[in-house]
Amino acid sequence: RIFKDKEMQKLIRTLAKTCGIVVLTDSDAAGFQIRAMLSGIVWEG
């Protein structure tokens, strides 16, 4: 759902910039897709 949730994406970007984020997903293909997506939307932090 994070792929379409613009508000959550914005919140994550803000958190990355202000305090940093730790990403912990499952180690399957889906988990790595989510990691890649988060890395792609965070430009600072």
ModelCIF file with pLDDT and N, C-alpha, C, O atoms, coordinates in Angstrom:
data_MODEL
#
_entry.id   MODEL 
#
_entity.id                         1 
_entity.type                       polymer 
_entity.pdbx_number_of_molecules   1 
#
_entity_poly.entity_id                      1 
_entity_poly.type                           'polypeptide(L)' 
_entity_poly.nstd_linkage                   no 
_entity_poly.nstd_monomer                   no 
_entity_poly.pdbx_seq_one_letter_code       RIFKDKEMQKLIRTLAKTCGIVVLTDSDAAGFQIRAMLSGIVWEG 
_entity_poly.pdbx_seq_one_letter_code_can   RIFKDKEMQKLIRTLAKTCGIVVLTDSDAAGFQIRAMLSGIVWEG 
_entity_poly.pdbx_strand_id                 A 
#
loop_
_entity_poly_seq.entity_id 
_entity_poly_seq.num 
_entity_poly_seq.mon_id 
_entity_poly_seq.hetero 
1 1  ARG n 
1 2  ILE n 
1 3  PHE n 
1 4  LYS n 
1 5  ASP n 
1 6  LYS n 
1 7  GLU n 
1 8  MET n 
1 9  GLN n 
1 10 LYS n 
1 11 LEU n 
1 12 ILE n 
1 13 ARG n 
1 14 THR n 
1 15 LEU n 
1 16 ALA n 
1 17 LYS n 
1 18 THR n 
1 19 CYS n 
1 20 GLY n 
1 21 ILE n 
1 22 VAL n 
1 23 VAL n 
1 24 LEU n 
1 25 THR n 
1 26 ASP n 
1 27 SER n 
1 28 ASP n 
1 29 ALA n 
1 30 ALA n 
1 31 GLY n 
1 32 PHE n 
1 33 GLN n 
1 34 ILE n 
1 35 ARG n 
1 36 ALA n 
1 37 MET n 
1 38 LEU n 
1 39 SER n 
1 40 GLY n 
1 41 ILE n 
1 42 VAL n 
1 43 TRP n 
1 44 GLU n 
1 45 GLY n 
#
_struct_asym.id          A 
_struct_asym.entity_id   1 
#
loop_
_ma_qa_metric.id 
_ma_qa_metric.mode 
_ma_qa_metric.name 
_ma_qa_metric.software_group_id 
_ma_qa_metric.type 
1 global pLDDT . pLDDT 
2 local  pLDDT . pLDDT 
#
_ma_qa_metric_global.metric_id      1 
_ma_qa_metric_global.metric_value   93.09 
_ma_qa_metric_global.model_id       1 
_ma_qa_metric_global.ordinal_id     1 
#
loop_
_ma_qa_metric_local.label_asym_id 
_ma_qa_metric_local.label_comp_id 
_ma_qa_metric_local.label_seq_id 
_ma_qa_metric_local.metric_id 
_ma_qa_metric_local.metric_value 
_ma_qa_metric_local.model_id 
_ma_qa_metric_local.ordinal_id 
A ARG 1  2 95.00 1 1  
A ILE 2  2 95.00 1 2  
A PHE 3  2 96.00 1 3  
A LYS 4  2 94.00 1 4  
A ASP 5  2 93.00 1 5  
A LYS 6  2 92.00 1 6  
A GLU 7  2 90.00 1 7  
A MET 8  2 92.00 1 8  
A GLN 9  2 94.00 1 9  
A LYS 10 2 91.00 1 10 
A LEU 11 2 90.00 1 11 
A ILE 12 2 93.00 1 12 
A ARG 13 2 92.00 1 13 
A THR 14 2 89.00 1 14 
A LEU 15 2 91.00 1 15 
A ALA 16 2 92.00 1 16 
A LYS 17 2 88.00 1 17 
A THR 18 2 86.00 1 18 
A CYS 19 2 86.00 1 19 
A GLY 20 2 90.00 1 20 
A ILE 21 2 94.00 1 21 
A VAL 22 2 95.00 1 22 
A VAL 23 2 97.00 1 23 
A LEU 24 2 97.00 1 24 
A THR 25 2 96.00 1 25 
A ASP 26 2 95.00 1 26 
A SER 27 2 92.00 1 27 
A ASP 28 2 92.00 1 28 
A ALA 29 2 93.00 1 29 
A ALA 30 2 94.00 1 30 
A GLY 31 2 95.00 1 31 
A PHE 32 2 95.00 1 32 
A GLN 33 2 96.00 1 33 
A ILE 34 2 97.00 1 34 
A ARG 35 2 95.00 1 35 
A ALA 36 2 95.00 1 36 
A MET 37 2 96.00 1 37 
A LEU 38 2 96.00 1 38 
A SER 39 2 94.00 1 39 
A GLY 40 2 95.00 1 40 
A ILE 41 2 94.00 1 41 
A VAL 42 2 94.00 1 42 
A TRP 43 2 91.00 1 43 
A GLU 44 2 91.00 1 44 
A GLY 45 2 91.00 1 45 
#
loop_
_atom_site.group_PDB 
_atom_site.id 
_atom_site.type_symbol 
_atom_site.label_atom_id 
_atom_site.label_alt_id 
_atom_site.label_comp_id 
_atom_site.label_asym_id 
_atom_site.label_entity_id 
_atom_site.label_seq_id 
_atom_site.pdbx_PDB_ins_code 
_atom_site.Cartn_x 
_atom_site.Cartn_y 
_atom_site.Cartn_z 
_atom_site.occupancy 
_atom_site.B_iso_or_equiv 
_atom_site.pdbx_formal_charge 
_atom_site.auth_seq_id 
_atom_site.auth_comp_id 
_atom_site.auth_asym_id 
_atom_site.auth_atom_id 
_atom_site.pdbx_PDB_model_num 
ATOM 1   N N  . ARG A 1 1  ? 0.830  -1.213  0.000  1.00 95.00 ? 1  ARG A N  1 
ATOM 2   C CA . ARG A 1 1  ? 0.000  0.000   0.000  1.00 95.00 ? 1  ARG A CA 1 
ATOM 3   C C  . ARG A 1 1  ? 0.862  1.259   0.000  1.00 95.00 ? 1  ARG A C  1 
ATOM 4   O O  . ARG A 1 1  ? 0.428  2.319   -0.453 1.00 95.00 ? 1  ARG A O  1 
ATOM 5   N N  . ILE A 1 2  ? 2.077  1.135   0.508  1.00 95.00 ? 2  ILE A N  1 
ATOM 6   C CA . ILE A 1 2  ? 2.987  2.278   0.554  1.00 95.00 ? 2  ILE A CA 1 
ATOM 7   C C  . ILE A 1 2  ? 3.257  2.837   -0.836 1.00 95.00 ? 2  ILE A C  1 
ATOM 8   O O  . ILE A 1 2  ? 3.573  4.019   -0.972 1.00 95.00 ? 2  ILE A O  1 
ATOM 9   N N  . PHE A 1 3  ? 3.136  2.005   -1.872 1.00 96.00 ? 3  PHE A N  1 
ATOM 10  C CA . PHE A 1 3  ? 3.400  2.460   -3.241 1.00 96.00 ? 3  PHE A CA 1 
ATOM 11  C C  . PHE A 1 3  ? 2.397  3.528   -3.686 1.00 96.00 ? 3  PHE A C  1 
ATOM 12  O O  . PHE A 1 3  ? 2.701  4.338   -4.562 1.00 96.00 ? 3  PHE A O  1 
ATOM 13  N N  . LYS A 1 4  ? 1.190  3.531   -3.079 1.00 94.00 ? 4  LYS A N  1 
ATOM 14  C CA . LYS A 1 4  ? 0.167  4.501   -3.469 1.00 94.00 ? 4  LYS A CA 1 
ATOM 15  C C  . LYS A 1 4  ? -0.163 5.490   -2.360 1.00 94.00 ? 4  LYS A C  1 
ATOM 16  O O  . LYS A 1 4  ? -0.896 6.452   -2.589 1.00 94.00 ? 4  LYS A O  1 
ATOM 17  N N  . ASP A 1 5  ? 0.360  5.269   -1.178 1.00 93.00 ? 5  ASP A N  1 
ATOM 18  C CA . ASP A 1 5  ? 0.035  6.107   -0.029 1.00 93.00 ? 5  ASP A CA 1 
ATOM 19  C C  . ASP A 1 5  ? 0.959  7.327   0.008  1.00 93.00 ? 5  ASP A C  1 
ATOM 20  O O  . ASP A 1 5  ? 2.032  7.282   0.610  1.00 93.00 ? 5  ASP A O  1 
ATOM 21  N N  . LYS A 1 6  ? 0.535  8.413   -0.640 1.00 92.00 ? 6  LYS A N  1 
ATOM 22  C CA . LYS A 1 6  ? 1.368  9.616   -0.757 1.00 92.00 ? 6  LYS A CA 1 
ATOM 23  C C  . LYS A 1 6  ? 1.615  10.276  0.598  1.00 92.00 ? 6  LYS A C  1 
ATOM 24  O O  . LYS A 1 6  ? 2.691  10.826  0.831  1.00 92.00 ? 6  LYS A O  1 
ATOM 25  N N  . GLU A 1 7  ? 0.630  10.227  1.490  1.00 90.00 ? 7  GLU A N  1 
ATOM 26  C CA . GLU A 1 7  ? 0.799  10.839  2.799  1.00 90.00 ? 7  GLU A CA 1 
ATOM 27  C C  . GLU A 1 7  ? 1.871  10.102  3.609  1.00 90.00 ? 7  GLU A C  1 
ATOM 28  O O  . GLU A 1 7  ? 2.709  10.731  4.254  1.00 90.00 ? 7  GLU A O  1 
ATOM 29  N N  . MET A 1 8  ? 1.840  8.780   3.571  1.00 92.00 ? 8  MET A N  1 
ATOM 30  C CA . MET A 1 8  ? 2.849  8.012   4.288  1.00 92.00 ? 8  MET A CA 1 
ATOM 31  C C  . MET A 1 8  ? 4.225  8.219   3.663  1.00 92.00 ? 8  MET A C  1 
ATOM 32  O O  . MET A 1 8  ? 5.224  8.305   4.377  1.00 92.00 ? 8  MET A O  1 
ATOM 33  N N  . GLN A 1 9  ? 4.283  8.297   2.342  1.00 94.00 ? 9  GLN A N  1 
ATOM 34  C CA . GLN A 1 9  ? 5.558  8.562   1.679  1.00 94.00 ? 9  GLN A CA 1 
ATOM 35  C C  . GLN A 1 9  ? 6.138  9.901   2.153  1.00 94.00 ? 9  GLN A C  1 
ATOM 36  O O  . GLN A 1 9  ? 7.331  10.006  2.438  1.00 94.00 ? 9  GLN A O  1 
ATOM 37  N N  . LYS A 1 10 ? 5.275  10.916  2.231  1.00 91.00 ? 10 LYS A N  1 
ATOM 38  C CA . LYS A 1 10 ? 5.722  12.236  2.681  1.00 91.00 ? 10 LYS A CA 1 
ATOM 39  C C  . LYS A 1 10 ? 6.226  12.169  4.120  1.00 91.00 ? 10 LYS A C  1 
ATOM 40  O O  . LYS A 1 10 ? 7.250  12.767  4.450  1.00 91.00 ? 10 LYS A O  1 
ATOM 41  N N  . LEU A 1 11 ? 5.504  11.438  4.979  1.00 90.00 ? 11 LEU A N  1 
ATOM 42  C CA . LEU A 1 11 ? 5.915  11.294  6.372  1.00 90.00 ? 11 LEU A CA 1 
ATOM 43  C C  . LEU A 1 11 ? 7.278  10.618  6.469  1.00 90.00 ? 11 LEU A C  1 
ATOM 44  O O  . LEU A 1 11 ? 8.132  11.043  7.247  1.00 90.00 ? 11 LEU A O  1 
ATOM 45  N N  . ILE A 1 12 ? 7.479  9.574   5.687  1.00 93.00 ? 12 ILE A N  1 
ATOM 46  C CA . ILE A 1 12 ? 8.749  8.853   5.710  1.00 93.00 ? 12 ILE A CA 1 
ATOM 47  C C  . ILE A 1 12 ? 9.892  9.755   5.255  1.00 93.00 ? 12 ILE A C  1 
ATOM 48  O O  . ILE A 1 12 ? 10.978 9.724   5.834  1.00 93.00 ? 12 ILE A O  1 
ATOM 49  N N  . ARG A 1 13 ? 9.651  10.557  4.219  1.00 92.00 ? 13 ARG A N  1 
ATOM 50  C CA . ARG A 1 13 ? 10.675 11.495  3.760  1.00 92.00 ? 13 ARG A CA 1 
ATOM 51  C C  . ARG A 1 13 ? 11.035 12.499  4.872  1.00 92.00 ? 13 ARG A C  1 
ATOM 52  O O  . ARG A 1 13 ? 12.203 12.824  5.088  1.00 92.00 ? 13 ARG A O  1 
ATOM 53  N N  . THR A 1 14 ? 9.995  12.976  5.564  1.00 89.00 ? 14 THR A N  1 
ATOM 54  C CA . THR A 1 14 ? 10.222 13.932  6.647  1.00 89.00 ? 14 THR A CA 1 
ATOM 55  C C  . THR A 1 14 ? 11.028 13.295  7.778  1.00 89.00 ? 14 THR A C  1 
ATOM 56  O O  . THR A 1 14 ? 11.963 13.901  8.300  1.00 89.00 ? 14 THR A O  1 
ATOM 57  N N  . LEU A 1 15 ? 10.662 12.083  8.147  1.00 91.00 ? 15 LEU A N  1 
ATOM 58  C CA . LEU A 1 15 ? 11.362 11.384  9.226  1.00 91.00 ? 15 LEU A CA 1 
ATOM 59  C C  . LEU A 1 15 ? 12.817 11.107  8.844  1.00 91.00 ? 15 LEU A C  1 
ATOM 60  O O  . LEU A 1 15 ? 13.717 11.256  9.670  1.00 91.00 ? 15 LEU A O  1 
ATOM 61  N N  . ALA A 1 16 ? 13.045 10.703  7.593  1.00 92.00 ? 16 ALA A N  1 
ATOM 62  C CA . ALA A 1 16 ? 14.413 10.431  7.137  1.00 92.00 ? 16 ALA A CA 1 
ATOM 63  C C  . ALA A 1 16 ? 15.276 11.674  7.260  1.00 92.00 ? 16 ALA A C  1 
ATOM 64  O O  . ALA A 1 16 ? 16.449 11.597  7.624  1.00 92.00 ? 16 ALA A O  1 
ATOM 65  N N  . LYS A 1 17 ? 14.687 12.812  6.954  1.00 88.00 ? 17 LYS A N  1 
ATOM 66  C CA . LYS A 1 17 ? 15.425 14.079  6.966  1.00 88.00 ? 17 LYS A CA 1 
ATOM 67  C C  . LYS A 1 17 ? 15.659 14.599  8.376  1.00 88.00 ? 17 LYS A C  1 
ATOM 68  O O  . LYS A 1 17 ? 16.695 15.202  8.654  1.00 88.00 ? 17 LYS A O  1 
ATOM 69  N N  . THR A 1 18 ? 14.696 14.367  9.270  1.00 86.00 ? 18 THR A N  1 
ATOM 70  C CA . THR A 1 18 ? 14.782 14.952  10.607 1.00 86.00 ? 18 THR A CA 1 
ATOM 71  C C  . THR A 1 18 ? 15.450 14.044  11.638 1.00 86.00 ? 18 THR A C  1 
ATOM 72  O O  . THR A 1 18 ? 16.248 14.511  12.450 1.00 86.00 ? 18 THR A O  1 
ATOM 73  N N  . CYS A 1 19 ? 15.130 12.756  11.609 1.00 86.00 ? 19 CYS A N  1 
ATOM 74  C CA . CYS A 1 19 ? 15.689 11.871  12.635 1.00 86.00 ? 19 CYS A CA 1 
ATOM 75  C C  . CYS A 1 19 ? 16.301 10.598  12.060 1.00 86.00 ? 19 CYS A C  1 
ATOM 76  O O  . CYS A 1 19 ? 16.971 9.852   12.774 1.00 86.00 ? 19 CYS A O  1 
ATOM 77  N N  . GLY A 1 20 ? 16.072 10.349  10.770 1.00 90.00 ? 20 GLY A N  1 
ATOM 78  C CA . GLY A 1 20 ? 16.569 9.122   10.155 1.00 90.00 ? 20 GLY A CA 1 
ATOM 79  C C  . GLY A 1 20 ? 15.554 7.995   10.259 1.00 90.00 ? 20 GLY A C  1 
ATOM 80  O O  . GLY A 1 20 ? 14.725 7.976   11.169 1.00 90.00 ? 20 GLY A O  1 
ATOM 81  N N  . ILE A 1 21 ? 15.625 7.058   9.326  1.00 94.00 ? 21 ILE A N  1 
ATOM 82  C CA . ILE A 1 21 ? 14.733 5.899   9.372  1.00 94.00 ? 21 ILE A CA 1 
ATOM 83  C C  . ILE A 1 21 ? 15.539 4.606   9.307  1.00 94.00 ? 21 ILE A C  1 
ATOM 84  O O  . ILE A 1 21 ? 16.617 4.543   8.716  1.00 94.00 ? 21 ILE A O  1 
ATOM 85  N N  . VAL A 1 22 ? 14.981 3.590   9.928  1.00 95.00 ? 22 VAL A N  1 
ATOM 86  C CA . VAL A 1 22 ? 15.538 2.236   9.883  1.00 95.00 ? 22 VAL A CA 1 
ATOM 87  C C  . VAL A 1 22 ? 14.523 1.373   9.141  1.00 95.00 ? 22 VAL A C  1 
ATOM 88  O O  . VAL A 1 22 ? 13.358 1.313   9.534  1.00 95.00 ? 22 VAL A O  1 
ATOM 89  N N  . VAL A 1 23 ? 14.951 0.709   8.077  1.00 97.00 ? 23 VAL A N  1 
ATOM 90  C CA . VAL A 1 23 ? 14.048 -0.120  7.282  1.00 97.00 ? 23 VAL A CA 1 
ATOM 91  C C  . VAL A 1 23 ? 14.297 -1.587  7.597  1.00 97.00 ? 23 VAL A C  1 
ATOM 92  O O  . VAL A 1 23 ? 15.412 -2.084  7.436  1.00 97.00 ? 23 VAL A O  1 
ATOM 93  N N  . LEU A 1 24 ? 13.263 -2.271  8.042  1.00 97.00 ? 24 LEU A N  1 
ATOM 94  C CA . LEU A 1 24 ? 13.336 -3.697  8.373  1.00 97.00 ? 24 LEU A CA 1 
ATOM 95  C C  . LEU A 1 24 ? 12.171 -4.410  7.704  1.00 97.00 ? 24 LEU A C  1 
ATOM 96  O O  . LEU A 1 24 ? 11.039 -4.344  8.182  1.00 97.00 ? 24 LEU A O  1 
ATOM 97  N N  . THR A 1 25 ? 12.447 -5.084  6.609  1.00 96.00 ? 25 THR A N  1 
ATOM 98  C CA . THR A 1 25 ? 11.410 -5.836  5.896  1.00 96.00 ? 25 THR A CA 1 
ATOM 99  C C  . THR A 1 25 ? 11.770 -7.322  5.897  1.00 96.00 ? 25 THR A C  1 
ATOM 100 O O  . THR A 1 25 ? 12.854 -7.714  6.327  1.00 96.00 ? 25 THR A O  1 
ATOM 101 N N  . ASP A 1 26 ? 10.840 -8.133  5.408  1.00 95.00 ? 26 ASP A N  1 
ATOM 102 C CA . ASP A 1 26 ? 11.140 -9.552  5.228  1.00 95.00 ? 26 ASP A CA 1 
ATOM 103 C C  . ASP A 1 26 ? 12.241 -9.704  4.181  1.00 95.00 ? 26 ASP A C  1 
ATOM 104 O O  . ASP A 1 26 ? 12.494 -8.787  3.400  1.00 95.00 ? 26 ASP A O  1 
ATOM 105 N N  . SER A 1 27 ? 12.890 -10.862 4.169  1.00 92.00 ? 27 SER A N  1 
ATOM 106 C CA . SER A 1 27 ? 14.001 -11.073 3.239  1.00 92.00 ? 27 SER A CA 1 
ATOM 107 C C  . SER A 1 27 ? 13.571 -11.764 1.950  1.00 92.00 ? 27 SER A C  1 
ATOM 108 O O  . SER A 1 27 ? 14.388 -12.394 1.278  1.00 92.00 ? 27 SER A O  1 
ATOM 109 N N  . ASP A 1 28 ? 12.295 -11.648 1.606  1.00 92.00 ? 28 ASP A N  1 
ATOM 110 C CA . ASP A 1 28 ? 11.810 -12.213 0.349  1.00 92.00 ? 28 ASP A CA 1 
ATOM 111 C C  . ASP A 1 28 ? 11.785 -11.130 -0.731 1.00 92.00 ? 28 ASP A C  1 
ATOM 112 O O  . ASP A 1 28 ? 12.161 -9.984  -0.485 1.00 92.00 ? 28 ASP A O  1 
ATOM 113 N N  . ALA A 1 29 ? 11.342 -11.504 -1.913 1.00 93.00 ? 29 ALA A N  1 
ATOM 114 C CA . ALA A 1 29 ? 11.331 -10.568 -3.033 1.00 93.00 ? 29 ALA A CA 1 
ATOM 115 C C  . ALA A 1 29 ? 10.472 -9.341  -2.734 1.00 93.00 ? 29 ALA A C  1 
ATOM 116 O O  . ALA A 1 29 ? 10.854 -8.221  -3.074 1.00 93.00 ? 29 ALA A O  1 
ATOM 117 N N  . ALA A 1 30 ? 9.318  -9.541  -2.103 1.00 94.00 ? 30 ALA A N  1 
ATOM 118 C CA . ALA A 1 30 ? 8.427  -8.425  -1.787 1.00 94.00 ? 30 ALA A CA 1 
ATOM 119 C C  . ALA A 1 30 ? 9.098  -7.452  -0.832 1.00 94.00 ? 30 ALA A C  1 
ATOM 120 O O  . ALA A 1 30 ? 8.995  -6.237  -1.001 1.00 94.00 ? 30 ALA A O  1 
ATOM 121 N N  . GLY A 1 31 ? 9.778  -7.981  0.162  1.00 95.00 ? 31 GLY A N  1 
ATOM 122 C CA . GLY A 1 31 ? 10.473 -7.127  1.119  1.00 95.00 ? 31 GLY A CA 1 
ATOM 123 C C  . GLY A 1 31 ? 11.530 -6.273  0.464  1.00 95.00 ? 31 GLY A C  1 
ATOM 124 O O  . GLY A 1 31 ? 11.680 -5.096  0.792  1.00 95.00 ? 31 GLY A O  1 
ATOM 125 N N  . PHE A 1 32 ? 12.270 -6.864  -0.468 1.00 95.00 ? 32 PHE A N  1 
ATOM 126 C CA . PHE A 1 32 ? 13.312 -6.110  -1.159 1.00 95.00 ? 32 PHE A CA 1 
ATOM 127 C C  . PHE A 1 32 ? 12.718 -5.083  -2.128 1.00 95.00 ? 32 PHE A C  1 
ATOM 128 O O  . PHE A 1 32 ? 13.329 -4.044  -2.378 1.00 95.00 ? 32 PHE A O  1 
ATOM 129 N N  . GLN A 1 33 ? 11.536 -5.366  -2.672 1.00 96.00 ? 33 GLN A N  1 
ATOM 130 C CA . GLN A 1 33 ? 10.864 -4.369  -3.520 1.00 96.00 ? 33 GLN A CA 1 
ATOM 131 C C  . GLN A 1 33 ? 10.470 -3.152  -2.697 1.00 96.00 ? 33 GLN A C  1 
ATOM 132 O O  . GLN A 1 33 ? 10.605 -2.018  -3.156 1.00 96.00 ? 33 GLN A O  1 
ATOM 133 N N  . ILE A 1 34 ? 9.981  -3.385  -1.480 1.00 97.00 ? 34 ILE A N  1 
ATOM 134 C CA . ILE A 1 34 ? 9.592  -2.279  -0.605 1.00 97.00 ? 34 ILE A CA 1 
ATOM 135 C C  . ILE A 1 34 ? 10.823 -1.476  -0.204 1.00 97.00 ? 34 ILE A C  1 
ATOM 136 O O  . ILE A 1 34 ? 10.771 -0.246  -0.172 1.00 97.00 ? 34 ILE A O  1 
ATOM 137 N N  . ARG A 1 35 ? 11.928 -2.150  0.102  1.00 95.00 ? 35 ARG A N  1 
ATOM 138 C CA . ARG A 1 35 ? 13.174 -1.445  0.433  1.00 95.00 ? 35 ARG A CA 1 
ATOM 139 C C  . ARG A 1 35 ? 13.590 -0.528  -0.722 1.00 95.00 ? 35 ARG A C  1 
ATOM 140 O O  . ARG A 1 35 ? 13.925 0.639   -0.517 1.00 95.00 ? 35 ARG A O  1 
ATOM 141 N N  . ALA A 1 36 ? 13.560 -1.079  -1.936 1.00 95.00 ? 36 ALA A N  1 
ATOM 142 C CA . ALA A 1 36 ? 13.977 -0.309  -3.110 1.00 95.00 ? 36 ALA A CA 1 
ATOM 143 C C  . ALA A 1 36 ? 13.067 0.898   -3.310 1.00 95.00 ? 36 ALA A C  1 
ATOM 144 O O  . ALA A 1 36 ? 13.529 1.987   -3.649 1.00 95.00 ? 36 ALA A O  1 
ATOM 145 N N  . MET A 1 37 ? 11.776 0.693   -3.099 1.00 96.00 ? 37 MET A N  1 
ATOM 146 C CA . MET A 1 37 ? 10.824 1.778   -3.262 1.00 96.00 ? 37 MET A CA 1 
ATOM 147 C C  . MET A 1 37 ? 11.110 2.894   -2.262 1.00 96.00 ? 37 MET A C  1 
ATOM 148 O O  . MET A 1 37 ? 11.122 4.068   -2.634 1.00 96.00 ? 37 MET A O  1 
ATOM 149 N N  . LEU A 1 38 ? 11.342 2.539   -0.984 1.00 96.00 ? 38 LEU A N  1 
ATOM 150 C CA . LEU A 1 38 ? 11.618 3.541   0.041  1.00 96.00 ? 38 LEU A CA 1 
ATOM 151 C C  . LEU A 1 38 ? 12.906 4.294   -0.263 1.00 96.00 ? 38 LEU A C  1 
ATOM 152 O O  . LEU A 1 38 ? 12.986 5.508   -0.079 1.00 96.00 ? 38 LEU A O  1 
ATOM 153 N N  . SER A 1 39 ? 13.901 3.571   -0.723 1.00 94.00 ? 39 SER A N  1 
ATOM 154 C CA . SER A 1 39 ? 15.157 4.209   -1.092 1.00 94.00 ? 39 SER A CA 1 
ATOM 155 C C  . SER A 1 39 ? 14.946 5.212   -2.229 1.00 94.00 ? 39 SER A C  1 
ATOM 156 O O  . SER A 1 39 ? 15.603 6.251   -2.283 1.00 94.00 ? 39 SER A O  1 
ATOM 157 N N  . GLY A 1 40 ? 14.027 4.888   -3.127 1.00 95.00 ? 40 GLY A N  1 
ATOM 158 C CA . GLY A 1 40 ? 13.758 5.754   -4.271 1.00 95.00 ? 40 GLY A CA 1 
ATOM 159 C C  . GLY A 1 40 ? 12.997 7.018   -3.939 1.00 95.00 ? 40 GLY A C  1 
ATOM 160 O O  . GLY A 1 40 ? 13.113 8.012   -4.655 1.00 95.00 ? 40 GLY A O  1 
ATOM 161 N N  . ILE A 1 41 ? 12.211 7.002   -2.854 1.00 94.00 ? 41 ILE A N  1 
ATOM 162 C CA . ILE A 1 41 ? 11.401 8.187   -2.529 1.00 94.00 ? 41 ILE A CA 1 
ATOM 163 C C  . ILE A 1 41 ? 12.072 9.098   -1.497 1.00 94.00 ? 41 ILE A C  1 
ATOM 164 O O  . ILE A 1 41 ? 11.638 10.231  -1.290 1.00 94.00 ? 41 ILE A O  1 
ATOM 165 N N  . VAL A 1 42 ? 13.137 8.596   -0.848 1.00 94.00 ? 42 VAL A N  1 
ATOM 166 C CA . VAL A 1 42 ? 13.837 9.408   0.152  1.00 94.00 ? 42 VAL A CA 1 
ATOM 167 C C  . VAL A 1 42 ? 15.027 10.072  -0.513 1.00 94.00 ? 42 VAL A C  1 
ATOM 168 O O  . VAL A 1 42 ? 15.993 9.405   -0.884 1.00 94.00 ? 42 VAL A O  1 
ATOM 169 N N  . TRP A 1 43 ? 14.954 11.381  -0.662 1.00 91.00 ? 43 TRP A N  1 
ATOM 170 C CA . TRP A 1 43 ? 15.999 12.122  -1.372 1.00 91.00 ? 43 TRP A CA 1 
ATOM 171 C C  . TRP A 1 43 ? 17.020 12.744  -0.426 1.00 91.00 ? 43 TRP A C  1 
ATOM 172 O O  . TRP A 1 43 ? 18.153 13.022  -0.820 1.00 91.00 ? 43 TRP A O  1 
ATOM 173 N N  . GLU A 1 44 ? 16.617 12.960  0.810  1.00 91.00 ? 44 GLU A N  1 
ATOM 174 C CA . GLU A 1 44 ? 17.515 13.536  1.807  1.00 91.00 ? 44 GLU A CA 1 
ATOM 175 C C  . GLU A 1 44 ? 17.376 12.767  3.108  1.00 91.00 ? 44 GLU A C  1 
ATOM 176 O O  . GLU A 1 44 ? 16.346 12.148  3.372  1.00 91.00 ? 44 GLU A O  1 
ATOM 177 N N  . GLY A 1 45 ? 18.430 12.813  3.917  1.00 91.00 ? 45 GLY A N  1 
ATOM 178 C CA . GLY A 1 45 ? 18.341 12.199  5.229  1.00 91.00 ? 45 GLY A CA 1 
ATOM 179 C C  . GLY A 1 45 ? 19.015 10.841  5.297  1.00 91.00 ? 45 GLY A C  1 
ATOM 180 O O  . GLY A 1 45 ? 19.017 10.205  6.350  1.00 91.00 ? 45 GLY A O  1 
#
